[in-house]
Amino acid sequence: MIIIVGGSKGLGLSLAEEFSIDNKVIAISRQRQNYLSKNIKHLQFDINNDDINILDQVIAKENISAVFFTVGLIDQQDDINLEFSTIEKIYDTN
Protein backbone atom coordinates (compact mmCIF):
# COMPACT_ATOMS: atom_id res chain seq x y z
CA MET A 1 0.00 0.00 0.00
CA ILE A 2 1.31 3.41 -1.01
CA ILE A 3 -0.18 6.55 0.54
CA ILE A 4 0.03 9.84 -1.31
CA VAL A 5 -1.06 12.98 0.51
CA GLY A 6 -1.85 15.59 -2.11
CA GLY A 7 -2.76 13.17 -4.88
CA SER A 8 -5.17 15.16 -7.02
CA LYS A 9 -2.81 17.17 -9.25
CA GLY A 10 0.75 17.49 -10.44
CA LEU A 11 3.38 15.30 -8.81
CA GLY A 12 0.91 13.61 -6.46
CA LEU A 13 -1.39 12.58 -9.31
CA SER A 14 1.55 11.30 -11.35
CA LEU A 15 2.90 9.30 -8.41
CA ALA A 16 -0.54 7.80 -7.71
CA GLU A 17 -1.00 6.67 -11.30
CA GLU A 18 2.56 5.32 -11.61
CA PHE A 19 2.58 3.41 -8.31
CA SER A 20 -0.89 1.98 -8.98
CA ILE A 21 0.54 -0.17 -11.76
CA ASP A 22 2.01 -2.60 -9.20
CA ASN A 23 0.50 -1.43 -5.88
CA LYS A 24 -2.69 -0.42 -4.16
CA VAL A 25 -2.65 3.33 -3.57
CA ILE A 26 -4.58 5.60 -1.22
CA ALA A 27 -4.59 9.14 -2.61
CA ILE A 28 -5.62 11.84 -0.15
CA SER A 29 -6.55 15.31 -1.36
CA ARG A 30 -8.92 18.23 -0.89
CA GLN A 31 -10.18 17.94 -4.45
CA ARG A 32 -11.95 14.95 -5.95
CA GLN A 33 -10.05 13.27 -8.76
CA ASN A 34 -11.08 10.63 -11.27
CA TYR A 35 -8.15 8.27 -11.52
CA LEU A 36 -7.41 6.05 -14.50
CA SER A 37 -6.41 3.10 -12.31
CA LYS A 38 -8.81 1.02 -10.25
CA ASN A 39 -5.94 0.38 -7.79
CA ILE A 40 -6.29 3.94 -6.44
CA LYS A 41 -8.64 4.62 -3.56
CA HIS A 42 -9.35 8.32 -3.10
CA LEU A 43 -10.01 10.02 0.24
CA GLN A 44 -11.26 13.57 0.07
CA PHE A 45 -9.72 15.21 3.11
CA ASP A 46 -8.21 18.55 4.10
CA ILE A 47 -5.07 17.73 6.06
CA ASN A 48 -5.18 21.17 7.68
CA ASN A 49 -8.40 20.31 9.52
CA ASP A 50 -8.19 19.06 13.08
CA ASP A 51 -10.20 15.87 12.48
CA ILE A 52 -7.47 13.46 11.41
CA ASN A 53 -9.33 10.43 12.80
CA ILE A 54 -10.67 9.62 9.33
CA LEU A 55 -7.13 8.71 8.27
CA ASP A 56 -6.66 6.45 11.27
CA GLN A 57 -9.83 4.55 10.42
CA VAL A 58 -8.88 3.99 6.80
CA ILE A 59 -5.15 3.31 6.91
CA ALA A 60 -4.61 1.78 10.35
CA LYS A 61 -5.21 -1.75 9.06
CA GLU A 62 -3.09 -1.42 5.94
CA ASN A 63 0.46 -2.64 5.42
CA ILE A 64 2.06 0.61 4.25
CA SER A 65 5.16 0.49 2.06
CA ALA A 66 5.65 4.21 1.47
CA VAL A 67 4.10 7.60 2.16
CA PHE A 68 4.53 10.65 -0.08
CA PHE A 69 3.57 14.17 0.98
CA THR A 70 3.06 16.29 -2.12
CA VAL A 71 0.48 18.66 -0.63
CA GLY A 72 0.38 22.37 -1.26
CA LEU A 73 -1.83 25.16 -2.40
CA ILE A 74 -4.15 24.10 -5.18
CA ASP A 75 -3.43 27.18 -7.29
CA GLN A 76 -2.73 30.90 -7.02
CA GLN A 77 -6.43 31.58 -6.42
CA ASP A 78 -6.09 29.78 -3.07
CA ASP A 79 -3.21 32.03 -2.12
CA ILE A 80 -5.33 35.12 -2.83
CA ASN A 81 -8.47 33.94 -0.98
CA LEU A 82 -6.89 32.48 2.14
CA GLU A 83 -5.92 34.39 5.23
CA PHE A 84 -2.18 34.61 5.83
CA SER A 85 -2.40 32.39 8.93
CA THR A 86 -4.02 29.62 6.85
CA ILE A 87 -1.38 29.91 4.11
CA GLU A 88 1.33 29.80 6.76
CA LYS A 89 -0.23 26.64 8.26
CA ILE A 90 -0.23 24.96 4.82
CA TYR A 91 3.43 25.83 4.27
CA ASP A 92 4.31 24.58 7.76
CA THR A 93 2.49 21.32 7.09
CA ASN A 94 4.46 20.82 3.91
PDB file of N, CA and C in Angstrom:
ATOM      1  N   MET A   1       0.847  -1.177   0.000  1.00  0.00           N
ATOM      2  CA  MET A   1       0.000   0.000   0.000  1.00  0.00           C
ATOM      3  C   MET A   1       0.889   1.235   0.000  1.00  0.00           C
ATOM      4  N   ILE A   2       0.623   2.129  -0.907  1.00  0.00           N
ATOM      5  CA  ILE A   2       1.313   3.410  -1.012  1.00  0.00           C
ATOM      6  C   ILE A   2       0.305   4.498  -0.659  1.00  0.00           C
ATOM      7  N   ILE A   3       0.690   5.425   0.198  1.00  0.00           N
ATOM      8  CA  ILE A   3      -0.175   6.552   0.537  1.00  0.00           C
ATOM      9  C   ILE A   3       0.431   7.815  -0.051  1.00  0.00           C
ATOM     10  N   ILE A   4      -0.417   8.578  -0.738  1.00  0.00           N
ATOM     11  CA  ILE A   4       0.030   9.842  -1.314  1.00  0.00           C
ATOM     12  C   ILE A   4      -0.887  10.940  -0.791  1.00  0.00           C
ATOM     13  N   VAL A   5      -0.315  11.844  -0.016  1.00  0.00           N
ATOM     14  CA  VAL A   5      -1.057  12.980   0.512  1.00  0.00           C
ATOM     15  C   VAL A   5      -0.845  14.128  -0.466  1.00  0.00           C
ATOM     16  N   GLY A   6      -1.935  14.575  -1.063  1.00  0.00           N
ATOM     17  CA  GLY A   6      -1.847  15.591  -2.112  1.00  0.00           C
ATOM     18  C   GLY A   6      -1.864  14.931  -3.472  1.00  0.00           C
ATOM     19  N   GLY A   7      -2.766  13.978  -3.668  1.00  0.00           N
ATOM     20  CA  GLY A   7      -2.761  13.165  -4.878  1.00  0.00           C
ATOM     21  C   GLY A   7      -3.745  13.550  -5.953  1.00  0.00           C
ATOM     22  N   SER A   8      -4.169  14.806  -6.015  1.00  0.00           N
ATOM     23  CA  SER A   8      -5.171  15.159  -7.024  1.00  0.00           C
ATOM     24  C   SER A   8      -4.602  15.870  -8.248  1.00  0.00           C
ATOM     25  N   LYS A   9      -3.415  16.421  -8.131  1.00  0.00           N
ATOM     26  CA  LYS A   9      -2.815  17.168  -9.249  1.00  0.00           C
ATOM     27  C   LYS A   9      -1.303  16.974  -9.261  1.00  0.00           C
ATOM     28  N   GLY A  10      -0.702  17.396 -10.341  1.00  0.00           N
ATOM     29  CA  GLY A  10       0.750  17.489 -10.437  1.00  0.00           C
ATOM     30  C   GLY A  10       1.497  16.228 -10.049  1.00  0.00           C
ATOM     31  N   LEU A  11       2.517  16.405  -9.222  1.00  0.00           N
ATOM     32  CA  LEU A  11       3.381  15.303  -8.814  1.00  0.00           C
ATOM     33  C   LEU A  11       2.597  14.212  -8.093  1.00  0.00           C
ATOM     34  N   GLY A  12       1.691  14.591  -7.197  1.00  0.00           N
ATOM     35  CA  GLY A  12       0.906  13.611  -6.460  1.00  0.00           C
ATOM     36  C   GLY A  12       0.064  12.728  -7.368  1.00  0.00           C
ATOM     37  N   LEU A  13      -0.586  13.332  -8.346  1.00  0.00           N
ATOM     38  CA  LEU A  13      -1.389  12.575  -9.308  1.00  0.00           C
ATOM     39  C   LEU A  13      -0.503  11.633 -10.123  1.00  0.00           C
ATOM     40  N   SER A  14       0.629  12.125 -10.567  1.00  0.00           N
ATOM     41  CA  SER A  14       1.553  11.300 -11.351  1.00  0.00           C
ATOM     42  C   SER A  14       2.070  10.117 -10.534  1.00  0.00           C
ATOM     43  N   LEU A  15       2.424  10.377  -9.273  1.00  0.00           N
ATOM     44  CA  LEU A  15       2.896   9.296  -8.410  1.00  0.00           C
ATOM     45  C   LEU A  15       1.804   8.261  -8.180  1.00  0.00           C
ATOM     46  N   ALA A  16       0.578   8.721  -7.931  1.00  0.00           N
ATOM     47  CA  ALA A  16      -0.539   7.795  -7.705  1.00  0.00           C
ATOM     48  C   ALA A  16      -0.739   6.883  -8.908  1.00  0.00           C
ATOM     49  N   GLU A  17      -0.788   7.465 -10.092  1.00  0.00           N
ATOM     50  CA  GLU A  17      -0.995   6.672 -11.301  1.00  0.00           C
ATOM     51  C   GLU A  17       0.163   5.707 -11.544  1.00  0.00           C
ATOM     52  N   GLU A  18       1.385   6.174 -11.356  1.00  0.00           N
ATOM     53  CA  GLU A  18       2.563   5.322 -11.606  1.00  0.00           C
ATOM     54  C   GLU A  18       2.642   4.167 -10.605  1.00  0.00           C
ATOM     55  N   PHE A  19       2.488   4.465  -9.327  1.00  0.00           N
ATOM     56  CA  PHE A  19       2.581   3.413  -8.314  1.00  0.00           C
ATOM     57  C   PHE A  19       1.418   2.437  -8.381  1.00  0.00           C
ATOM     58  N   SER A  20       0.280   2.858  -8.916  1.00  0.00           N
ATOM     59  CA  SER A  20      -0.887   1.979  -8.978  1.00  0.00           C
ATOM     60  C   SER A  20      -0.726   0.844  -9.981  1.00  0.00           C
ATOM     61  N   ILE A  21       0.289   0.907 -10.804  1.00  0.00           N
ATOM     62  CA  ILE A  21       0.543  -0.172 -11.762  1.00  0.00           C
ATOM     63  C   ILE A  21       0.825  -1.473 -11.015  1.00  0.00           C
ATOM     64  N   ASP A  22       1.611  -1.398  -9.939  1.00  0.00           N
ATOM     65  CA  ASP A  22       2.009  -2.595  -9.198  1.00  0.00           C
ATOM     66  C   ASP A  22       1.559  -2.605  -7.740  1.00  0.00           C
ATOM     67  N   ASN A  23       0.855  -1.554  -7.287  1.00  0.00           N
ATOM     68  CA  ASN A  23       0.498  -1.429  -5.879  1.00  0.00           C
ATOM     69  C   ASN A  23      -0.914  -0.897  -5.720  1.00  0.00           C
ATOM     70  N   LYS A  24      -1.477  -1.126  -4.544  1.00  0.00           N
ATOM     71  CA  LYS A  24      -2.691  -0.417  -4.160  1.00  0.00           C
ATOM     72  C   LYS A  24      -2.251   0.933  -3.622  1.00  0.00           C
ATOM     73  N   VAL A  25      -3.012   1.970  -3.950  1.00  0.00           N
ATOM     74  CA  VAL A  25      -2.653   3.335  -3.571  1.00  0.00           C
ATOM     75  C   VAL A  25      -3.855   3.990  -2.885  1.00  0.00           C
ATOM     76  N   ILE A  26      -3.579   4.708  -1.804  1.00  0.00           N
ATOM     77  CA  ILE A  26      -4.576   5.602  -1.223  1.00  0.00           C
ATOM     78  C   ILE A  26      -4.107   7.016  -1.519  1.00  0.00           C
ATOM     79  N   ALA A  27      -4.912   7.761  -2.271  1.00  0.00           N
ATOM     80  CA  ALA A  27      -4.591   9.144  -2.614  1.00  0.00           C
ATOM     81  C   ALA A  27      -5.494  10.055  -1.789  1.00  0.00           C
ATOM     82  N   ILE A  28      -4.884  10.936  -1.027  1.00  0.00           N
ATOM     83  CA  ILE A  28      -5.616  11.839  -0.148  1.00  0.00           C
ATOM     84  C   ILE A  28      -5.474  13.250  -0.699  1.00  0.00           C
ATOM     85  N   SER A  29      -6.612  13.941  -0.854  1.00  0.00           N
ATOM     86  CA  SER A  29      -6.548  15.311  -1.364  1.00  0.00           C
ATOM     87  C   SER A  29      -7.829  16.061  -1.023  1.00  0.00           C
ATOM     88  N   ARG A  30      -7.735  17.394  -1.121  1.00  0.00           N
ATOM     89  CA  ARG A  30      -8.916  18.227  -0.894  1.00  0.00           C
ATOM     90  C   ARG A  30      -9.878  18.163  -2.062  1.00  0.00           C
ATOM     91  N   GLN A  31      -9.346  17.962  -3.252  1.00  0.00           N
ATOM     92  CA  GLN A  31     -10.178  17.938  -4.455  1.00  0.00           C
ATOM     93  C   GLN A  31     -10.425  16.506  -4.900  1.00  0.00           C
ATOM     94  N   ARG A  32     -11.608  16.264  -5.399  1.00  0.00           N
ATOM     95  CA  ARG A  32     -11.949  14.954  -5.946  1.00  0.00           C
ATOM     96  C   ARG A  32     -11.222  14.778  -7.266  1.00  0.00           C
ATOM     97  N   GLN A  33     -10.761  13.574  -7.522  1.00  0.00           N
ATOM     98  CA  GLN A  33     -10.049  13.270  -8.756  1.00  0.00           C
ATOM     99  C   GLN A  33     -10.576  11.962  -9.314  1.00  0.00           C
ATOM    100  N   ASN A  34     -10.737  11.883 -10.611  1.00  0.00           N
ATOM    101  CA  ASN A  34     -11.084  10.630 -11.274  1.00  0.00           C
ATOM    102  C   ASN A  34      -9.796  10.010 -11.789  1.00  0.00           C
ATOM    103  N   TYR A  35      -9.407   8.921 -11.171  1.00  0.00           N
ATOM    104  CA  TYR A  35      -8.148   8.271 -11.518  1.00  0.00           C
ATOM    105  C   TYR A  35      -8.368   7.242 -12.625  1.00  0.00           C
ATOM    106  N   LEU A  36      -7.343   7.029 -13.419  1.00  0.00           N
ATOM    107  CA  LEU A  36      -7.410   6.050 -14.495  1.00  0.00           C
ATOM    108  C   LEU A  36      -7.354   4.628 -13.936  1.00  0.00           C
ATOM    109  N   SER A  37      -6.623   4.428 -12.869  1.00  0.00           N
ATOM    110  CA  SER A  37      -6.408   3.100 -12.308  1.00  0.00           C
ATOM    111  C   SER A  37      -7.455   2.748 -11.263  1.00  0.00           C
ATOM    112  N   LYS A  38      -7.883   1.504 -11.267  1.00  0.00           N
ATOM    113  CA  LYS A  38      -8.812   1.021 -10.245  1.00  0.00           C
ATOM    114  C   LYS A  38      -8.064   0.658  -8.954  1.00  0.00           C
ATOM    115  N   ASN A  39      -6.741   0.668  -8.974  1.00  0.00           N
ATOM    116  CA  ASN A  39      -5.938   0.381  -7.786  1.00  0.00           C
ATOM    117  C   ASN A  39      -5.782   1.593  -6.875  1.00  0.00           C
ATOM    118  N   ILE A  40      -6.401   2.713  -7.240  1.00  0.00           N
ATOM    119  CA  ILE A  40      -6.286   3.938  -6.442  1.00  0.00           C
ATOM    120  C   ILE A  40      -7.596   4.186  -5.711  1.00  0.00           C
ATOM    121  N   LYS A  41      -7.496   4.255  -4.383  1.00  0.00           N
ATOM    122  CA  LYS A  41      -8.644   4.624  -3.562  1.00  0.00           C
ATOM    123  C   LYS A  41      -8.452   6.083  -3.160  1.00  0.00           C
ATOM    124  N   HIS A  42      -9.455   6.902  -3.407  1.00  0.00           N
ATOM    125  CA  HIS A  42      -9.352   8.325  -3.101  1.00  0.00           C
ATOM    126  C   HIS A  42     -10.049   8.643  -1.787  1.00  0.00           C
ATOM    127  N   LEU A  43      -9.400   9.469  -0.967  1.00  0.00           N
ATOM    128  CA  LEU A  43     -10.011  10.016   0.238  1.00  0.00           C
ATOM    129  C   LEU A  43     -10.011  11.526   0.110  1.00  0.00           C
ATOM    130  N   GLN A  44     -11.184  12.126   0.120  1.00  0.00           N
ATOM    131  CA  GLN A  44     -11.257  13.575   0.075  1.00  0.00           C
ATOM    132  C   GLN A  44     -11.129  14.086   1.498  1.00  0.00           C
ATOM    133  N   PHE A  45     -10.067  14.825   1.745  1.00  0.00           N
ATOM    134  CA  PHE A  45      -9.719  15.212   3.111  1.00  0.00           C
ATOM    135  C   PHE A  45      -8.825  16.440   3.071  1.00  0.00           C
ATOM    136  N   ASP A  46      -9.076  17.374   3.966  1.00  0.00           N
ATOM    137  CA  ASP A  46      -8.206  18.549   4.099  1.00  0.00           C
ATOM    138  C   ASP A  46      -7.284  18.298   5.280  1.00  0.00           C
ATOM    139  N   ILE A  47      -6.020  18.083   5.014  1.00  0.00           N
ATOM    140  CA  ILE A  47      -5.067  17.733   6.062  1.00  0.00           C
ATOM    141  C   ILE A  47      -4.883  18.846   7.086  1.00  0.00           C
ATOM    142  N   ASN A  48      -5.313  20.056   6.747  1.00  0.00           N
ATOM    143  CA  ASN A  48      -5.183  21.171   7.683  1.00  0.00           C
ATOM    144  C   ASN A  48      -6.313  21.221   8.709  1.00  0.00           C
ATOM    145  N   ASN A  49      -7.334  20.390   8.536  1.00  0.00           N
ATOM    146  CA  ASN A  49      -8.403  20.310   9.521  1.00  0.00           C
ATOM    147  C   ASN A  49      -7.923  19.529  10.735  1.00  0.00           C
ATOM    148  N   ASP A  50      -8.585  19.728  11.849  1.00  0.00           N
ATOM    149  CA  ASP A  50      -8.188  19.061  13.080  1.00  0.00           C
ATOM    150  C   ASP A  50      -8.645  17.610  13.156  1.00  0.00           C
ATOM    151  N   ASP A  51      -9.650  17.214  12.388  1.00  0.00           N
ATOM    152  CA  ASP A  51     -10.197  15.867  12.479  1.00  0.00           C
ATOM    153  C   ASP A  51      -9.403  14.903  11.604  1.00  0.00           C
ATOM    154  N   ILE A  52      -8.323  14.380  12.155  1.00  0.00           N
ATOM    155  CA  ILE A  52      -7.475  13.459  11.411  1.00  0.00           C
ATOM    156  C   ILE A  52      -7.865  12.007  11.662  1.00  0.00           C
ATOM    157  N   ASN A  53      -8.895  11.791  12.475  1.00  0.00           N
ATOM    158  CA  ASN A  53      -9.327  10.433  12.800  1.00  0.00           C
ATOM    159  C   ASN A  53      -9.760   9.640  11.575  1.00  0.00           C
ATOM    160  N   ILE A  54     -10.250  10.318  10.550  1.00  0.00           N
ATOM    161  CA  ILE A  54     -10.669   9.615   9.335  1.00  0.00           C
ATOM    162  C   ILE A  54      -9.490   8.843   8.738  1.00  0.00           C
ATOM    163  N   LEU A  55      -8.304   9.403   8.803  1.00  0.00           N
ATOM    164  CA  LEU A  55      -7.129   8.715   8.272  1.00  0.00           C
ATOM    165  C   LEU A  55      -6.812   7.479   9.097  1.00  0.00           C
ATOM    166  N   ASP A  56      -6.907   7.597  10.404  1.00  0.00           N
ATOM    167  CA  ASP A  56      -6.659   6.453  11.275  1.00  0.00           C
ATOM    168  C   ASP A  56      -7.588   5.297  10.943  1.00  0.00           C
ATOM    169  N   GLN A  57      -8.843   5.586  10.704  1.00  0.00           N
ATOM    170  CA  GLN A  57      -9.826   4.548  10.425  1.00  0.00           C
ATOM    171  C   GLN A  57      -9.549   3.831   9.118  1.00  0.00           C
ATOM    172  N   VAL A  58      -9.068   4.562   8.131  1.00  0.00           N
ATOM    173  CA  VAL A  58      -8.878   3.987   6.802  1.00  0.00           C
ATOM    174  C   VAL A  58      -7.538   3.288   6.655  1.00  0.00           C
ATOM    175  N   ILE A  59      -6.481   3.861   7.182  1.00  0.00           N
ATOM    176  CA  ILE A  59      -5.152   3.313   6.906  1.00  0.00           C
ATOM    177  C   ILE A  59      -4.548   2.506   8.044  1.00  0.00           C
ATOM    178  N   ALA A  60      -5.190   2.475   9.204  1.00  0.00           N
ATOM    179  CA  ALA A  60      -4.610   1.782  10.354  1.00  0.00           C
ATOM    180  C   ALA A  60      -4.417   0.292  10.101  1.00  0.00           C
ATOM    181  N   LYS A  61      -5.266  -0.310   9.298  1.00  0.00           N
ATOM    182  CA  LYS A  61      -5.207  -1.751   9.063  1.00  0.00           C
ATOM    183  C   LYS A  61      -4.388  -2.123   7.840  1.00  0.00           C
ATOM    184  N   GLU A  62      -3.820  -1.164   7.174  1.00  0.00           N
ATOM    185  CA  GLU A  62      -3.087  -1.420   5.937  1.00  0.00           C
ATOM    186  C   GLU A  62      -1.597  -1.639   6.215  1.00  0.00           C
ATOM    187  N   ASN A  63      -0.979  -2.456   5.386  1.00  0.00           N
ATOM    188  CA  ASN A  63       0.465  -2.645   5.418  1.00  0.00           C
ATOM    189  C   ASN A  63       1.074  -1.606   4.475  1.00  0.00           C
ATOM    190  N   ILE A  64       1.608  -0.549   5.038  1.00  0.00           N
ATOM    191  CA  ILE A  64       2.055   0.605   4.253  1.00  0.00           C
ATOM    192  C   ILE A  64       3.530   0.457   3.870  1.00  0.00           C
ATOM    193  N   SER A  65       3.797   0.577   2.569  1.00  0.00           N
ATOM    194  CA  SER A  65       5.162   0.486   2.060  1.00  0.00           C
ATOM    195  C   SER A  65       5.846   1.845   1.985  1.00  0.00           C
ATOM    196  N   ALA A  66       5.068   2.874   1.637  1.00  0.00           N
ATOM    197  CA  ALA A  66       5.651   4.207   1.474  1.00  0.00           C
ATOM    198  C   ALA A  66       4.569   5.272   1.616  1.00  0.00           C
ATOM    199  N   VAL A  67       4.990   6.453   2.051  1.00  0.00           N
ATOM    200  CA  VAL A  67       4.096   7.602   2.161  1.00  0.00           C
ATOM    201  C   VAL A  67       4.770   8.783   1.480  1.00  0.00           C
ATOM    202  N   PHE A  68       4.033   9.462   0.606  1.00  0.00           N
ATOM    203  CA  PHE A  68       4.531  10.648  -0.077  1.00  0.00           C
ATOM    204  C   PHE A  68       3.659  11.829   0.300  1.00  0.00           C
ATOM    205  N   PHE A  69       4.280  12.934   0.671  1.00  0.00           N
ATOM    206  CA  PHE A  69       3.565  14.169   0.979  1.00  0.00           C
ATOM    207  C   PHE A  69       3.860  15.171  -0.127  1.00  0.00           C
ATOM    208  N   THR A  70       2.887  15.353  -1.006  1.00  0.00           N
ATOM    209  CA  THR A  70       3.056  16.286  -2.122  1.00  0.00           C
ATOM    210  C   THR A  70       2.034  17.405  -2.038  1.00  0.00           C
ATOM    211  N   VAL A  71       1.548  17.670  -0.817  1.00  0.00           N
ATOM    212  CA  VAL A  71       0.476  18.656  -0.631  1.00  0.00           C
ATOM    213  C   VAL A  71       0.979  20.070  -0.799  1.00  0.00           C
ATOM    214  N   GLY A  72       0.060  20.954  -1.116  1.00  0.00           N
ATOM    215  CA  GLY A  72       0.384  22.368  -1.262  1.00  0.00           C
ATOM    216  C   GLY A  72      -0.864  23.142  -1.592  1.00  0.00           C
ATOM    217  N   LEU A  73      -0.691  24.366  -1.946  1.00  0.00           N
ATOM    218  CA  LEU A  73      -1.826  25.161  -2.399  1.00  0.00           C
ATOM    219  C   LEU A  73      -2.300  24.615  -3.732  1.00  0.00           C
ATOM    220  N   ILE A  74      -3.601  24.637  -3.932  1.00  0.00           N
ATOM    221  CA  ILE A  74      -4.145  24.101  -5.178  1.00  0.00           C
ATOM    222  C   ILE A  74      -3.735  24.970  -6.364  1.00  0.00           C
ATOM    223  N   ASP A  75      -3.852  26.272  -6.232  1.00  0.00           N
ATOM    224  CA  ASP A  75      -3.425  27.182  -7.291  1.00  0.00           C
ATOM    225  C   ASP A  75      -3.299  28.579  -6.695  1.00  0.00           C
ATOM    226  N   GLN A  76      -2.936  29.537  -7.506  1.00  0.00           N
ATOM    227  CA  GLN A  76      -2.733  30.902  -7.016  1.00  0.00           C
ATOM    228  C   GLN A  76      -4.012  31.486  -6.434  1.00  0.00           C
ATOM    229  N   GLN A  77      -5.159  31.073  -6.934  1.00  0.00           N
ATOM    230  CA  GLN A  77      -6.426  31.579  -6.422  1.00  0.00           C
ATOM    231  C   GLN A  77      -6.553  31.275  -4.929  1.00  0.00           C
ATOM    232  N   ASP A  78      -6.080  30.107  -4.491  1.00  0.00           N
ATOM    233  CA  ASP A  78      -6.088  29.776  -3.068  1.00  0.00           C
ATOM    234  C   ASP A  78      -5.283  30.791  -2.281  1.00  0.00           C
ATOM    235  N   ASP A  79      -4.116  31.111  -2.800  1.00  0.00           N
ATOM    236  CA  ASP A  79      -3.214  32.033  -2.124  1.00  0.00           C
ATOM    237  C   ASP A  79      -3.888  33.393  -1.926  1.00  0.00           C
ATOM    238  N   ILE A  80      -4.664  33.818  -2.891  1.00  0.00           N
ATOM    239  CA  ILE A  80      -5.330  35.116  -2.829  1.00  0.00           C
ATOM    240  C   ILE A  80      -6.483  35.099  -1.826  1.00  0.00           C
ATOM    241  N   ASN A  81      -7.250  33.993  -1.788  1.00  0.00           N
ATOM    242  CA  ASN A  81      -8.465  33.941  -0.984  1.00  0.00           C
ATOM    243  C   ASN A  81      -8.258  33.509   0.460  1.00  0.00           C
ATOM    244  N   LEU A  82      -7.119  32.968   0.785  1.00  0.00           N
ATOM    245  CA  LEU A  82      -6.888  32.482   2.137  1.00  0.00           C
ATOM    246  C   LEU A  82      -6.256  33.560   3.007  1.00  0.00           C
ATOM    247  N   GLU A  83      -6.576  33.502   4.291  1.00  0.00           N
ATOM    248  CA  GLU A  83      -5.917  34.392   5.232  1.00  0.00           C
ATOM    249  C   GLU A  83      -4.461  33.967   5.371  1.00  0.00           C
ATOM    250  N   PHE A  84      -3.604  34.906   5.731  1.00  0.00           N
ATOM    251  CA  PHE A  84      -2.179  34.608   5.829  1.00  0.00           C
ATOM    252  C   PHE A  84      -1.906  33.484   6.819  1.00  0.00           C
ATOM    253  N   SER A  85      -2.634  33.445   7.934  1.00  0.00           N
ATOM    254  CA  SER A  85      -2.403  32.394   8.935  1.00  0.00           C
ATOM    255  C   SER A  85      -2.705  31.006   8.364  1.00  0.00           C
ATOM    256  N   THR A  86      -3.696  30.908   7.477  1.00  0.00           N
ATOM    257  CA  THR A  86      -4.016  29.623   6.845  1.00  0.00           C
ATOM    258  C   THR A  86      -2.921  29.235   5.861  1.00  0.00           C
ATOM    259  N   ILE A  87      -2.470  30.182   5.067  1.00  0.00           N
ATOM    260  CA  ILE A  87      -1.383  29.907   4.110  1.00  0.00           C
ATOM    261  C   ILE A  87      -0.134  29.456   4.873  1.00  0.00           C
ATOM    262  N   GLU A  88       0.176  30.154   5.956  1.00  0.00           N
ATOM    263  CA  GLU A  88       1.335  29.796   6.764  1.00  0.00           C
ATOM    264  C   GLU A  88       1.205  28.377   7.314  1.00  0.00           C
ATOM    265  N   LYS A  89       0.005  27.984   7.729  1.00  0.00           N
ATOM    266  CA  LYS A  89      -0.233  26.639   8.256  1.00  0.00           C
ATOM    267  C   LYS A  89      -0.002  25.592   7.160  1.00  0.00           C
ATOM    268  N   ILE A  90      -0.446  25.877   5.932  1.00  0.00           N
ATOM    269  CA  ILE A  90      -0.234  24.957   4.817  1.00  0.00           C
ATOM    270  C   ILE A  90       1.257  24.797   4.546  1.00  0.00           C
ATOM    271  N   TYR A  91       1.986  25.895   4.503  1.00  0.00           N
ATOM    272  CA  TYR A  91       3.426  25.828   4.269  1.00  0.00           C
ATOM    273  C   TYR A  91       4.127  25.068   5.387  1.00  0.00           C
ATOM    274  N   ASP A  92       3.705  25.289   6.614  1.00  0.00           N
ATOM    275  CA  ASP A  92       4.313  24.584   7.756  1.00  0.00           C
ATOM    276  C   ASP A  92       4.031  23.095   7.686  1.00  0.00           C
ATOM    277  N   THR A  93       2.835  22.725   7.240  1.00  0.00           N
ATOM    278  CA  THR A  93       2.487  21.320   7.089  1.00  0.00           C
ATOM    279  C   THR A  93       3.379  20.658   6.060  1.00  0.00           C
ATOM    280  N   ASN A  94       3.638  21.380   4.966  1.00  0.00           N
ATOM    281  CA  ASN A  94       4.465  20.822   3.909  1.00  0.00           C
ATOM    282  C   ASN A  94       5.913  20.750   4.346  1.00  0.00           C
TER     283      ASN A  94
END
